[in-house]
Amino acid sequence: MSPLPGLVLLTAAYPFGNKSETFLESEIEVLARRFRRILVLPSHRESGARPLPDNVELVEMGWLDQPSRATKLRALASREAARVVAETLASADAGPHLRHPRGFLDILARNVLKLMELSALIEDRPGLRDAIFYDYWFENSTVALALARRVGLVRAAACRAHGFDLYDDRWEGGVVPFRAFKLGGLDLVAPVSEFGTEYLSERAPASAKDRIRTFRLGVRLQPDLDPPRSDPPLVVSVGSMLPFKRVALVPEVLACVGRPLRWVHLGDGPERAGVEKAVRRLPDCVRWELRGHVDNADVLRFYRENGVAAMMSLSTSEGLPVSMMEALSFGVPVVATGVHGVPEAVTEVTGILLRPDAGVGEMAAALCRALEPERFDRRRIRAFFRERFEAGANYDRFADALIALREDQATAR
């Protein structure tokens, strides 16, 4: 048996804070079993830090501090930056980069600086060149990682792709930054949904299509509990209060249902004032609670201790939401707009899909159907969850794929 490889995990902020990349808390446990040593390199610092397994080390890189304008300009004058720009201008994505250069160039400058720091880290830590480098996002340190792979600084490089980092409509410029260059430099790009894989493959150069493979996220299977249904029925929504999440629309739907309900939202964000304004218009028969940010462990505890009748999501854009997986792990049906990867979680067995352009009345009618006591079988929902979203199986499969990258490179040498 070959020795366990090392892994370098590039994140947005994890393990800093308690809000960022909470889904990594489950994945890191599997990765820690499969890799000898893991270094975690976040891009941003937040207050506090979550605990890590014994063989996982947080490395605070210099890029956590804001680079000066002069430093970024020097980075943009480098050969590496010129290479990225040349390939991008020759790609189908050239137009948006030319129309909105400032934001794209800022991303490029930061990634060139990250490449320099990665080079110093690899030189300082013997054996790190043979580690597998894995960015949790398709837009984070991914340009730096693709550059490092192309110049031979690292031998195996991979990333996931979720939502904002995958779909063009989430970017002001109308395209994910430097997509073609990143696809050409990474060994594996792993969208978390089949929809995401199809979406990215349609926009990828022919030479990179075979590097794009679906690897879903997952959550732990929860105890087989059947708490008594609350009276009135309890509807839950989970997620940040961002414009595309449309949390302020939920009270309109609940008001249209026309029956006593209880609604709890778990999550916070910049749209909170609009949500608070919307709930003031709810009829007296609807009780509501906005709990603000809730740690992932407390979200699961809420499901365990309360008889949730349905989860509702009215987002206009999603990857494949872990929040839905968590609801399904408890056998809770989901009512959601059928965007992007959502139909891979919400089926006739597990809930009700809404048309993306559904009106409030249609949404309310769907929620009423979901609340019918015999509409969904919680055991069938949990069986569906086990087959598709169980954390241990999904993260082991992804670890297998990462390790295979190193073995492929060793064979090639």
Protein backbone atom coordinates (compact mmCIF):
# COMPACT_ATOMS: atom_id res chain seq x y z
CA MET A 1 0.00 0.00 0.00
CA SER A 2 1.35 3.44 -0.96
CA PRO A 3 1.87 5.93 1.90
CA LEU A 4 -0.88 8.43 2.57
CA PRO A 5 -0.37 11.61 0.55
CA GLY A 6 -0.40 15.16 1.85
CA LEU A 7 -3.12 17.71 1.00
CA VAL A 8 -3.16 21.51 0.75
CA LEU A 9 -6.72 22.83 1.10
CA LEU A 10 -7.41 26.39 -0.08
CA THR A 11 -10.55 27.95 1.40
CA ALA A 12 -12.35 31.30 1.47
CA ALA A 13 -12.20 31.68 5.27
CA TYR A 14 -12.52 28.23 6.89
CA PRO A 15 -11.63 27.49 9.66
CA PHE A 16 -11.85 31.17 10.64
CA GLY A 17 -15.16 32.38 12.04
CA ASN A 18 -18.27 30.25 12.43
CA LYS A 19 -20.23 31.13 9.28
CA SER A 20 -17.95 30.43 6.34
CA GLU A 21 -17.94 27.05 4.61
CA THR A 22 -19.70 25.21 7.42
CA PHE A 23 -20.06 22.23 5.08
CA LEU A 24 -16.30 21.69 5.25
CA GLU A 25 -16.71 20.74 8.89
CA SER A 26 -18.00 17.33 7.78
CA GLU A 27 -15.66 16.91 4.81
CA ILE A 28 -12.51 17.72 6.78
CA GLU A 29 -13.10 14.73 9.05
CA VAL A 30 -13.05 12.36 6.07
CA LEU A 31 -10.07 14.10 4.48
CA ALA A 32 -8.14 13.89 7.76
CA ARG A 33 -8.50 10.10 7.68
CA ARG A 34 -7.43 9.81 4.07
CA PHE A 35 -4.41 12.15 4.04
CA ARG A 36 -1.25 12.07 6.09
CA ARG A 37 -1.11 15.81 6.70
CA ILE A 38 -3.41 18.65 5.64
CA LEU A 39 -2.54 22.33 5.45
CA VAL A 40 -5.49 24.74 5.32
CA LEU A 41 -4.81 28.08 3.61
CA PRO A 42 -7.78 30.51 3.87
CA SER A 43 -8.01 33.66 1.76
CA HIS A 44 -9.71 35.84 4.39
CA ARG A 45 -9.47 36.17 8.13
CA GLU A 46 -12.53 36.26 10.41
CA SER A 47 -12.72 36.43 14.20
CA GLY A 48 -12.34 33.12 15.97
CA ALA A 49 -11.47 29.73 14.51
CA ARG A 50 -13.13 26.33 14.56
CA PRO A 51 -11.27 23.27 15.88
CA LEU A 52 -9.40 21.08 13.41
CA PRO A 53 -8.40 17.39 13.49
CA ASP A 54 -4.95 16.68 14.91
CA ASN A 55 -3.27 16.24 11.51
CA VAL A 56 -4.76 19.42 10.04
CA GLU A 57 -2.81 22.68 10.32
CA LEU A 58 -4.03 26.22 9.73
CA VAL A 59 -1.41 28.23 7.80
CA GLU A 60 -1.86 32.00 7.94
CA MET A 61 -0.42 33.22 4.65
CA GLY A 62 0.64 36.80 3.99
CA TRP A 63 -2.24 37.19 1.56
CA LEU A 64 -4.60 37.48 4.52
CA ASP A 65 -3.46 41.10 4.70
CA GLN A 66 -4.60 43.63 2.11
CA PRO A 67 -1.91 44.15 -0.57
CA SER A 68 -1.08 47.72 -1.55
CA ARG A 69 -2.04 49.13 -4.93
CA ALA A 70 1.64 49.31 -5.91
CA THR A 71 2.13 45.64 -5.01
CA LYS A 72 -0.84 44.63 -7.15
CA LEU A 73 0.42 46.70 -10.08
CA ARG A 74 3.78 44.95 -9.90
CA ALA A 75 1.99 41.60 -9.92
CA LEU A 76 0.06 42.62 -13.05
CA ALA A 77 3.36 43.44 -14.79
CA SER A 78 4.60 39.86 -14.33
CA ARG A 79 4.99 37.13 -16.97
CA GLU A 80 2.41 35.07 -15.11
CA ALA A 81 -0.23 37.77 -15.37
CA ALA A 82 0.55 38.26 -19.06
CA ARG A 83 0.04 34.54 -19.63
CA VAL A 84 -3.38 34.54 -18.01
CA VAL A 85 -4.46 37.66 -19.90
CA ALA A 86 -3.27 36.28 -23.26
CA GLU A 87 -5.17 33.00 -22.84
CA THR A 88 -8.28 34.80 -21.61
CA LEU A 89 -8.33 37.21 -24.56
CA ALA A 90 -8.08 34.22 -26.90
CA SER A 91 -11.05 32.49 -25.22
CA ALA A 92 -14.79 32.79 -25.73
CA ASP A 93 -14.96 34.72 -22.44
CA ALA A 94 -12.81 37.63 -23.65
CA GLY A 95 -15.64 40.17 -24.05
CA PRO A 96 -16.78 40.49 -20.42
CA HIS A 97 -13.16 40.72 -19.23
CA LEU A 98 -12.56 43.62 -21.62
CA ARG A 99 -15.79 45.41 -20.67
CA HIS A 100 -15.20 45.13 -16.90
CA PRO A 101 -11.40 45.09 -16.55
CA ARG A 102 -10.99 46.57 -13.07
CA GLY A 103 -12.59 43.76 -11.06
CA PHE A 104 -11.00 41.02 -13.14
CA LEU A 105 -7.54 42.58 -12.92
CA ASP A 106 -7.84 42.88 -9.14
CA ILE A 107 -8.60 39.14 -8.96
CA LEU A 108 -5.66 38.40 -11.24
CA ALA A 109 -3.23 40.53 -9.23
CA ARG A 110 -4.19 38.83 -5.98
CA ASN A 111 -3.75 35.41 -7.54
CA VAL A 112 -0.31 36.20 -8.93
CA LEU A 113 0.70 37.30 -5.43
CA LYS A 114 -0.74 34.06 -4.05
CA LEU A 115 1.35 32.11 -6.57
CA MET A 116 4.49 33.79 -5.23
CA GLU A 117 3.57 32.87 -1.68
CA LEU A 118 2.72 29.29 -2.63
CA SER A 119 6.15 29.01 -4.24
CA ALA A 120 7.83 30.19 -1.04
CA LEU A 121 5.73 27.80 1.08
CA ILE A 122 6.62 24.83 -1.11
CA GLU A 123 10.29 25.72 -0.97
CA ASP A 124 10.12 26.04 2.81
CA ARG A 125 8.35 22.69 3.38
CA PRO A 126 10.12 19.70 1.86
CA GLY A 127 7.80 17.23 0.19
CA LEU A 128 4.96 19.72 -0.30
CA ARG A 129 5.49 19.71 -4.06
CA ASP A 130 4.15 16.15 -4.08
CA ALA A 131 1.02 17.05 -2.11
CA ILE A 132 -2.37 17.37 -3.74
CA PHE A 133 -3.65 20.95 -3.92
CA TYR A 134 -7.42 21.37 -3.58
CA ASP A 135 -9.34 24.65 -3.76
CA TYR A 136 -12.81 24.39 -2.24
CA TRP A 137 -14.07 26.90 -4.82
CA PHE A 138 -13.73 27.50 -8.56
CA GLU A 139 -13.16 31.18 -7.75
CA ASN A 140 -10.88 31.65 -4.76
CA SER A 141 -7.18 30.94 -5.17
CA THR A 142 -7.89 28.97 -8.31
CA VAL A 143 -6.00 31.10 -10.84
CA ALA A 144 -2.91 30.85 -8.62
CA LEU A 145 -3.39 27.10 -8.40
CA ALA A 146 -3.78 26.74 -12.17
CA LEU A 147 -0.61 28.79 -12.68
CA ALA A 148 1.28 26.67 -10.14
CA ARG A 149 0.19 23.51 -11.93
CA ARG A 150 1.16 24.81 -15.36
CA VAL A 151 4.69 25.81 -14.33
CA GLY A 152 5.28 22.52 -12.48
CA LEU A 153 5.28 24.02 -9.01
CA VAL A 154 2.64 21.47 -7.97
CA ARG A 155 1.91 18.09 -9.52
CA ALA A 156 -1.81 17.66 -8.84
CA ALA A 157 -4.46 20.39 -8.54
CA ALA A 158 -8.24 20.21 -8.15
CA CYS A 159 -11.19 22.33 -7.10
CA ARG A 160 -14.90 22.14 -6.44
CA ALA A 161 -17.51 24.38 -8.08
CA HIS A 162 -20.71 25.34 -6.25
CA GLY A 163 -22.87 28.34 -7.19
CA PHE A 164 -21.49 31.88 -7.27
CA ASP A 165 -18.17 30.49 -8.51
CA LEU A 166 -19.86 28.52 -11.30
CA TYR A 167 -22.77 30.48 -12.78
CA ASP A 168 -22.16 33.54 -14.93
CA ASP A 169 -25.31 35.34 -13.80
CA ARG A 170 -23.81 35.76 -10.34
CA TRP A 171 -21.09 38.10 -11.73
CA GLU A 172 -21.47 41.73 -12.72
CA GLY A 173 -19.30 41.15 -15.76
CA GLY A 174 -21.47 38.24 -16.86
CA VAL A 175 -18.78 35.57 -16.68
CA VAL A 176 -16.86 33.65 -14.02
CA PRO A 177 -13.35 35.17 -13.95
CA PHE A 178 -10.65 33.49 -16.07
CA ARG A 179 -12.74 30.34 -16.50
CA ALA A 180 -10.92 28.97 -19.56
CA PHE A 181 -7.48 29.49 -18.02
CA LYS A 182 -8.46 27.72 -14.82
CA LEU A 183 -10.02 24.80 -16.68
CA GLY A 184 -6.83 24.43 -18.70
CA GLY A 185 -4.58 24.35 -15.64
CA LEU A 186 -6.41 22.08 -13.19
CA ASP A 187 -6.48 18.29 -13.22
CA LEU A 188 -10.00 18.02 -11.82
CA VAL A 189 -12.89 20.47 -11.55
CA ALA A 190 -15.73 19.01 -9.47
CA PRO A 191 -19.14 20.71 -9.65
CA VAL A 192 -21.40 19.65 -6.79
CA SER A 193 -24.36 18.91 -9.08
CA GLU A 194 -24.97 17.22 -12.41
CA PHE A 195 -26.54 20.46 -13.62
CA GLY A 196 -23.34 22.30 -12.73
CA THR A 197 -21.25 19.75 -14.62
CA GLU A 198 -23.40 20.13 -17.73
CA TYR A 199 -23.34 23.92 -17.41
CA LEU A 200 -19.56 24.09 -17.11
CA SER A 201 -18.92 21.47 -19.79
CA GLU A 202 -20.97 23.49 -22.28
CA ARG A 203 -18.66 26.46 -21.68
CA ALA A 204 -15.35 24.61 -21.42
CA PRO A 205 -12.71 24.24 -24.12
CA ALA A 206 -12.87 20.80 -25.75
CA SER A 207 -9.50 19.89 -24.24
CA ALA A 208 -10.79 20.43 -20.67
CA LYS A 209 -14.18 18.70 -20.79
CA ASP A 210 -12.87 15.38 -19.48
CA ARG A 211 -11.54 17.11 -16.34
CA ILE A 212 -15.06 18.12 -15.21
CA ARG A 213 -16.77 15.50 -13.02
CA THR A 214 -19.64 15.70 -10.54
CA PHE A 215 -18.87 15.12 -6.86
CA ARG A 216 -21.75 16.00 -4.57
CA LEU A 217 -21.41 17.36 -1.07
CA GLY A 218 -23.08 15.50 1.77
CA VAL A 219 -24.22 15.58 5.36
CA ARG A 220 -24.43 12.93 8.03
CA LEU A 221 -27.47 10.69 8.19
CA GLN A 222 -29.46 11.78 11.23
CA PRO A 223 -31.11 9.52 13.83
CA ASP A 224 -34.39 7.99 12.71
CA LEU A 225 -36.60 10.31 14.73
CA ASP A 226 -40.27 11.00 14.18
CA PRO A 227 -41.06 13.97 16.41
CA PRO A 228 -44.74 14.83 16.70
CA ARG A 229 -45.89 17.41 14.19
CA SER A 230 -46.34 20.82 15.71
CA ASP A 231 -49.70 22.53 15.73
CA PRO A 232 -49.83 24.79 13.80
CA PRO A 233 -47.52 23.22 11.17
CA LEU A 234 -43.93 24.40 11.37
CA VAL A 235 -42.30 25.67 8.14
CA VAL A 236 -38.55 26.32 8.13
CA SER A 237 -36.30 28.25 5.76
CA VAL A 238 -32.52 28.25 6.06
CA GLY A 239 -29.91 30.50 4.48
CA SER A 240 -28.34 33.91 4.23
CA MET A 241 -30.66 36.85 3.65
CA LEU A 242 -29.30 37.79 0.22
CA PRO A 243 -31.33 39.20 -2.68
CA PHE A 244 -31.34 36.01 -4.74
CA LYS A 245 -32.51 33.97 -1.74
CA ARG A 246 -35.82 35.95 -1.69
CA VAL A 247 -36.44 35.34 2.01
CA ALA A 248 -38.73 38.39 2.11
CA LEU A 249 -41.06 36.55 -0.29
CA VAL A 250 -41.71 33.75 2.21
CA PRO A 251 -44.06 35.88 4.40
CA GLU A 252 -46.11 36.73 1.30
CA VAL A 253 -46.50 33.03 0.57
CA LEU A 254 -47.45 32.23 4.16
CA ALA A 255 -50.06 35.00 4.18
CA CYS A 256 -51.56 33.55 1.02
CA VAL A 257 -51.87 30.05 2.53
CA GLY A 258 -54.79 31.24 4.66
CA ARG A 259 -54.37 28.96 7.65
CA PRO A 260 -52.49 29.00 10.97
CA LEU A 261 -48.77 28.37 10.52
CA ARG A 262 -45.50 28.83 12.34
CA TRP A 263 -42.45 29.97 10.37
CA VAL A 264 -38.83 30.00 11.58
CA HIS A 265 -35.98 31.34 9.46
CA LEU A 266 -32.42 30.33 10.35
CA GLY A 267 -29.92 32.77 8.87
CA ASP A 268 -29.06 36.44 8.60
CA GLY A 269 -27.73 38.90 6.05
CA PRO A 270 -28.02 42.28 4.34
CA GLU A 271 -31.67 41.82 3.37
CA ARG A 272 -32.84 41.43 6.97
CA ALA A 273 -34.53 44.85 7.10
CA GLY A 274 -36.68 43.93 4.12
CA VAL A 275 -37.62 40.61 5.71
CA GLU A 276 -38.55 42.34 8.97
CA LYS A 277 -40.76 44.73 7.02
CA ALA A 278 -42.45 41.81 5.23
CA VAL A 279 -43.25 39.88 8.41
CA ARG A 280 -45.08 42.87 9.87
CA ARG A 281 -47.71 42.33 7.20
CA LEU A 282 -48.37 38.70 8.20
CA PRO A 283 -51.83 37.88 9.56
CA ASP A 284 -52.18 37.05 13.25
CA CYS A 285 -52.67 33.34 12.48
CA VAL A 286 -49.03 33.08 11.32
CA ARG A 287 -46.43 33.02 14.08
CA TRP A 288 -42.90 33.77 13.00
CA GLU A 289 -39.34 33.93 14.28
CA LEU A 290 -36.16 35.25 12.65
CA ARG A 291 -33.37 33.58 14.59
CA GLY A 292 -30.46 35.23 12.77
CA HIS A 293 -27.24 33.35 12.19
CA VAL A 294 -27.33 29.86 13.69
CA ASP A 295 -24.36 27.50 13.85
CA ASN A 296 -24.71 24.37 11.75
CA ALA A 297 -24.86 22.19 14.85
CA ASP A 298 -27.79 24.26 16.12
CA VAL A 299 -29.61 23.93 12.78
CA LEU A 300 -29.44 20.14 13.13
CA ARG A 301 -30.52 20.36 16.76
CA PHE A 302 -33.52 22.42 15.70
CA TYR A 303 -34.63 19.67 13.31
CA ARG A 304 -34.11 17.01 15.99
CA GLU A 305 -36.13 18.83 18.62
CA ASN A 306 -38.98 20.23 16.52
CA GLY A 307 -41.57 18.56 14.36
CA VAL A 308 -40.77 20.42 11.14
CA ALA A 309 -43.50 19.91 8.56
CA ALA A 310 -41.69 21.37 5.53
CA MET A 311 -38.68 23.37 4.44
CA MET A 312 -39.13 26.18 1.90
CA SER A 313 -36.59 27.77 -0.45
CA LEU A 314 -37.49 30.44 -3.01
CA SER A 315 -33.99 31.14 -4.36
CA THR A 316 -33.47 32.20 -7.95
CA SER A 317 -29.97 30.69 -8.01
CA GLU A 318 -28.47 27.73 -6.14
CA GLY A 319 -25.76 25.13 -6.46
CA LEU A 320 -27.04 22.02 -4.74
CA PRO A 321 -27.91 23.34 -1.27
CA VAL A 322 -26.58 21.49 1.75
CA SER A 323 -29.44 23.07 3.72
CA MET A 324 -31.84 20.94 1.66
CA MET A 325 -29.74 17.84 2.24
CA GLU A 326 -29.98 18.49 5.98
CA ALA A 327 -33.77 18.70 5.82
CA LEU A 328 -33.95 15.47 3.79
CA SER A 329 -31.67 13.70 6.28
CA PHE A 330 -34.49 14.15 8.82
CA GLY A 331 -37.17 13.10 6.35
CA VAL A 332 -38.50 16.66 5.99
CA PRO A 333 -40.02 17.45 2.57
CA VAL A 334 -38.78 20.49 0.66
CA VAL A 335 -40.71 23.05 -1.40
CA ALA A 336 -38.25 24.88 -3.65
CA THR A 337 -37.79 26.68 -6.93
CA GLY A 338 -36.36 24.27 -9.49
CA VAL A 339 -33.17 26.17 -10.31
CA HIS A 340 -29.74 24.79 -11.16
CA GLY A 341 -29.00 21.70 -9.05
CA VAL A 342 -32.13 21.83 -6.89
CA PRO A 343 -34.08 19.20 -8.94
CA GLU A 344 -31.38 16.68 -8.00
CA ALA A 345 -32.53 17.00 -4.37
CA VAL A 346 -36.22 17.82 -4.72
CA THR A 347 -38.16 15.11 -6.52
CA GLU A 348 -41.69 13.72 -6.31
CA VAL A 349 -40.39 11.58 -3.42
CA THR A 350 -38.78 14.39 -1.45
CA GLY A 351 -40.87 17.50 -2.08
CA ILE A 352 -42.43 19.86 -4.61
CA LEU A 353 -40.56 21.80 -7.29
CA LEU A 354 -41.77 25.26 -8.22
CA ARG A 355 -41.28 26.91 -11.57
CA PRO A 356 -38.58 29.61 -11.27
CA ASP A 357 -41.17 32.20 -12.33
CA ALA A 358 -43.98 30.86 -10.13
CA GLY A 359 -46.25 33.44 -8.55
CA VAL A 360 -47.10 33.73 -4.87
CA GLY A 361 -50.39 31.89 -5.30
CA GLU A 362 -48.68 28.93 -6.96
CA MET A 363 -46.06 28.87 -4.21
CA ALA A 364 -48.76 28.92 -1.50
CA ALA A 365 -50.69 26.09 -3.20
CA ALA A 366 -47.52 23.98 -3.34
CA LEU A 367 -46.83 24.58 0.35
CA CYS A 368 -50.40 23.57 1.21
CA ARG A 369 -49.91 20.29 -0.67
CA ALA A 370 -46.62 19.65 1.13
CA LEU A 371 -48.32 20.15 4.49
CA GLU A 372 -50.92 17.46 3.86
CA PRO A 373 -50.18 14.81 6.55
CA GLU A 374 -49.98 11.82 4.21
CA ARG A 375 -48.40 13.54 1.21
CA PHE A 376 -44.80 12.43 1.92
CA ASP A 377 -43.28 9.33 3.50
CA ARG A 378 -40.38 10.34 5.73
CA ARG A 379 -38.80 6.90 5.44
CA ARG A 380 -38.69 7.20 1.64
CA ILE A 381 -37.20 10.68 1.92
CA ARG A 382 -34.45 9.37 4.19
CA ALA A 383 -33.79 6.44 1.85
CA PHE A 384 -33.39 8.91 -1.03
CA PHE A 385 -31.00 10.93 1.11
CA ARG A 386 -28.87 7.89 1.99
CA GLU A 387 -28.48 6.98 -1.65
CA ARG A 388 -27.47 10.44 -2.86
CA PHE A 389 -26.19 12.69 -0.07
CA GLU A 390 -24.68 10.65 2.76
CA ALA A 391 -21.49 12.47 3.79
CA GLY A 392 -19.15 9.57 4.44
CA ALA A 393 -19.76 7.93 1.06
CA ASN A 394 -19.66 11.17 -0.95
CA TYR A 395 -16.52 12.54 0.68
CA ASP A 396 -14.73 9.20 0.46
CA ARG A 397 -15.44 9.11 -3.28
CA PHE A 398 -14.01 12.58 -3.68
CA ALA A 399 -10.92 11.70 -1.62
CA ASP A 400 -10.44 8.67 -3.89
CA ALA A 401 -10.52 10.98 -6.92
CA LEU A 402 -7.97 13.36 -5.37
CA ILE A 403 -5.59 10.55 -4.50
CA ALA A 404 -5.95 9.12 -8.00
CA LEU A 405 -4.62 12.42 -9.39
CA ARG A 406 -1.34 11.93 -7.58
CA GLU A 407 -1.11 8.31 -8.66
CA ASP A 408 -1.76 9.33 -12.27
CA GLN A 409 1.02 11.88 -12.10
CA ALA A 410 3.42 9.37 -10.52
CA THR A 411 2.70 6.95 -13.37
CA ALA A 412 3.22 9.72 -15.93
CA ARG A 413 6.66 10.48 -14.46
